[in-house]
């Protein structure tokens, strides 16, 4: 279980870092008046996946 917990933790960290970078790119695009169309949808998907992985990680950590 610890191996799965470590993998889920690493993946959720990657998703959260990706979320921060995509939102920063979206803000930068809006400042320079050329927003990217895909950043809003990608940030929404990353947030949902990070939430579900965080819940799975919490469940794993409580059982251990």
N, C-alpha and C. Protein backbone atom coordinates (compact mmCIF):
# COMPACT_ATOMS: atom_id res chain seq x y z
N UNK A 1 0.81 -1.20 0.00
CA UNK A 1 0.00 0.00 0.00
C UNK A 1 0.85 1.27 0.00
N UNK A 2 2.02 1.18 0.62
CA UNK A 2 2.86 2.38 0.66
C UNK A 2 3.37 2.74 -0.72
N UNK A 3 3.63 1.74 -1.55
CA UNK A 3 4.12 2.02 -2.91
C UNK A 3 3.04 2.73 -3.70
N UNK A 4 1.80 2.25 -3.60
CA UNK A 4 0.69 2.89 -4.30
C UNK A 4 0.48 4.31 -3.77
N UNK A 5 0.58 4.48 -2.46
CA UNK A 5 0.45 5.81 -1.87
C UNK A 5 1.52 6.77 -2.37
N UNK A 6 2.74 6.28 -2.49
CA UNK A 6 3.82 7.13 -3.00
C UNK A 6 3.59 7.52 -4.46
N UNK A 7 3.12 6.57 -5.25
CA UNK A 7 2.85 6.85 -6.66
C UNK A 7 1.73 7.87 -6.81
N UNK A 8 0.65 7.67 -6.04
CA UNK A 8 -0.48 8.60 -6.09
C UNK A 8 -0.05 9.99 -5.62
N UNK A 9 0.80 10.04 -4.61
CA UNK A 9 1.30 11.32 -4.12
C UNK A 9 2.12 12.05 -5.18
N UNK A 10 2.99 11.34 -5.86
CA UNK A 10 3.82 11.95 -6.90
C UNK A 10 2.97 12.45 -8.07
N UNK A 11 1.98 11.64 -8.47
CA UNK A 11 1.11 12.05 -9.57
C UNK A 11 0.29 13.27 -9.19
N UNK A 12 -0.23 13.31 -7.98
CA UNK A 12 -1.02 14.47 -7.56
C UNK A 12 -0.16 15.72 -7.46
N UNK A 13 1.09 15.59 -7.06
CA UNK A 13 2.00 16.73 -7.04
C UNK A 13 2.24 17.26 -8.45
N UNK A 14 2.43 16.35 -9.40
CA UNK A 14 2.63 16.75 -10.79
C UNK A 14 1.38 17.47 -11.31
N UNK A 15 0.19 16.96 -10.99
CA UNK A 15 -1.04 17.60 -11.44
C UNK A 15 -1.19 18.99 -10.83
N UNK A 16 -0.85 19.15 -9.56
CA UNK A 16 -0.98 20.47 -8.93
C UNK A 16 0.03 21.47 -9.49
N UNK A 17 1.25 21.01 -9.76
CA UNK A 17 2.24 21.89 -10.38
C UNK A 17 1.78 22.27 -11.79
N UNK A 18 1.26 21.29 -12.52
CA UNK A 18 0.72 21.58 -13.85
C UNK A 18 -0.44 22.56 -13.79
N UNK A 19 -1.27 22.43 -12.78
CA UNK A 19 -2.40 23.33 -12.61
C UNK A 19 -1.92 24.76 -12.39
N UNK A 20 -0.93 24.93 -11.55
CA UNK A 20 -0.40 26.27 -11.29
C UNK A 20 0.21 26.86 -12.56
N UNK A 21 0.95 26.05 -13.31
CA UNK A 21 1.58 26.55 -14.53
C UNK A 21 0.54 26.91 -15.60
N UNK A 22 -0.49 26.10 -15.74
CA UNK A 22 -1.51 26.38 -16.74
C UNK A 22 -2.29 27.63 -16.37
N UNK A 23 -2.60 27.81 -15.10
CA UNK A 23 -3.32 29.01 -14.68
C UNK A 23 -2.44 30.25 -14.85
N UNK A 24 -1.14 30.13 -14.58
CA UNK A 24 -0.23 31.26 -14.80
C UNK A 24 -0.16 31.60 -16.29
N UNK A 25 -0.16 30.60 -17.14
CA UNK A 25 -0.16 30.83 -18.59
C UNK A 25 -1.46 31.51 -19.02
N UNK A 26 -2.56 31.10 -18.43
CA UNK A 26 -3.85 31.71 -18.74
C UNK A 26 -3.88 33.18 -18.31
N UNK A 27 -3.37 33.46 -17.14
CA UNK A 27 -3.33 34.85 -16.66
C UNK A 27 -2.42 35.69 -17.56
N UNK A 28 -1.26 35.14 -17.90
CA UNK A 28 -0.34 35.85 -18.79
C UNK A 28 -0.95 36.12 -20.16
N UNK A 29 -1.68 35.14 -20.67
CA UNK A 29 -2.33 35.35 -21.95
C UNK A 29 -3.40 36.42 -21.90
N UNK A 30 -4.12 36.49 -20.80
CA UNK A 30 -5.16 37.51 -20.68
C UNK A 30 -4.54 38.90 -20.49
N UNK A 31 -3.39 38.96 -19.84
CA UNK A 31 -2.73 40.26 -19.67
C UNK A 31 -2.28 40.81 -21.02
N UNK A 32 -1.74 39.93 -21.86
CA UNK A 32 -1.25 40.36 -23.17
C UNK A 32 -2.32 40.29 -24.26
N UNK A 33 -3.58 40.13 -23.84
CA UNK A 33 -4.75 40.19 -24.71
C UNK A 33 -4.73 39.13 -25.82
N UNK A 34 -4.15 37.98 -25.53
CA UNK A 34 -4.22 36.85 -26.47
C UNK A 34 -4.35 35.56 -25.66
N UNK A 35 -5.53 35.35 -25.05
CA UNK A 35 -5.69 34.18 -24.18
C UNK A 35 -5.71 32.87 -24.98
N UNK A 36 -5.21 31.83 -24.36
CA UNK A 36 -5.25 30.51 -24.96
C UNK A 36 -6.61 29.89 -24.65
N UNK A 37 -7.20 29.23 -25.62
CA UNK A 37 -8.53 28.67 -25.43
C UNK A 37 -8.51 27.38 -24.60
N UNK A 38 -7.43 26.65 -24.64
CA UNK A 38 -7.38 25.33 -24.02
C UNK A 38 -7.00 25.37 -22.55
N UNK A 39 -6.53 26.50 -22.04
CA UNK A 39 -6.02 26.52 -20.67
C UNK A 39 -7.14 26.39 -19.64
N UNK A 40 -8.30 26.96 -19.93
CA UNK A 40 -9.38 26.89 -18.95
C UNK A 40 -9.88 25.46 -18.79
N UNK A 41 -10.04 24.76 -19.90
CA UNK A 41 -10.52 23.38 -19.82
C UNK A 41 -9.47 22.46 -19.19
N UNK A 42 -8.20 22.65 -19.55
CA UNK A 42 -7.15 21.83 -18.97
C UNK A 42 -7.03 22.07 -17.47
N UNK A 43 -7.14 23.32 -17.04
CA UNK A 43 -7.05 23.59 -15.60
C UNK A 43 -8.22 22.96 -14.86
N UNK A 44 -9.38 22.95 -15.47
CA UNK A 44 -10.55 22.32 -14.83
C UNK A 44 -10.33 20.81 -14.69
N UNK A 45 -9.82 20.18 -15.74
CA UNK A 45 -9.57 18.73 -15.67
C UNK A 45 -8.47 18.40 -14.66
N UNK A 46 -7.42 19.20 -14.64
CA UNK A 46 -6.34 18.95 -13.67
C UNK A 46 -6.83 19.10 -12.24
N UNK A 47 -7.70 20.08 -12.00
CA UNK A 47 -8.24 20.27 -10.66
C UNK A 47 -9.10 19.08 -10.24
N UNK A 48 -9.92 18.58 -11.15
CA UNK A 48 -10.76 17.42 -10.83
C UNK A 48 -9.91 16.19 -10.56
N UNK A 49 -8.91 15.93 -11.41
CA UNK A 49 -8.06 14.77 -11.21
C UNK A 49 -7.25 14.88 -9.92
N UNK A 50 -6.74 16.08 -9.63
CA UNK A 50 -5.98 16.27 -8.39
C UNK A 50 -6.87 16.07 -7.17
N UNK A 51 -8.14 16.48 -7.26
CA UNK A 51 -9.07 16.27 -6.15
C UNK A 51 -9.31 14.80 -5.91
N UNK A 52 -9.57 14.05 -6.98
CA UNK A 52 -9.82 12.62 -6.83
C UNK A 52 -8.58 11.87 -6.35
N UNK A 53 -7.42 12.25 -6.84
CA UNK A 53 -6.19 11.59 -6.38
C UNK A 53 -5.90 11.95 -4.93
N UNK A 54 -6.18 13.18 -4.53
CA UNK A 54 -6.00 13.57 -3.14
C UNK A 54 -6.92 12.80 -2.21
N UNK A 55 -8.15 12.56 -2.65
CA UNK A 55 -9.09 11.77 -1.85
C UNK A 55 -8.60 10.33 -1.75
N UNK A 56 -8.10 9.78 -2.85
CA UNK A 56 -7.56 8.42 -2.81
C UNK A 56 -6.34 8.34 -1.89
N UNK A 57 -5.50 9.35 -1.94
CA UNK A 57 -4.33 9.38 -1.06
C UNK A 57 -4.74 9.48 0.40
N UNK A 58 -5.75 10.27 0.69
CA UNK A 58 -6.24 10.37 2.06
C UNK A 58 -6.79 9.04 2.54
N UNK A 59 -7.51 8.34 1.68
CA UNK A 59 -8.05 7.03 2.03
C UNK A 59 -6.93 6.03 2.29
N UNK A 60 -5.89 6.07 1.48
CA UNK A 60 -4.76 5.16 1.67
C UNK A 60 -4.04 5.48 2.98
N UNK A 61 -3.85 6.76 3.27
CA UNK A 61 -3.11 7.15 4.47
C UNK A 61 -3.89 6.84 5.75
N UNK A 62 -5.20 6.92 5.70
CA UNK A 62 -6.00 6.61 6.89
C UNK A 62 -5.97 5.12 7.18
N UNK A 63 -5.94 4.30 6.13
CA UNK A 63 -5.93 2.84 6.33
C UNK A 63 -4.59 2.35 6.84
N UNK A 64 -3.50 3.05 6.56
CA UNK A 64 -2.16 2.62 6.97
C UNK A 64 -1.89 3.05 8.34
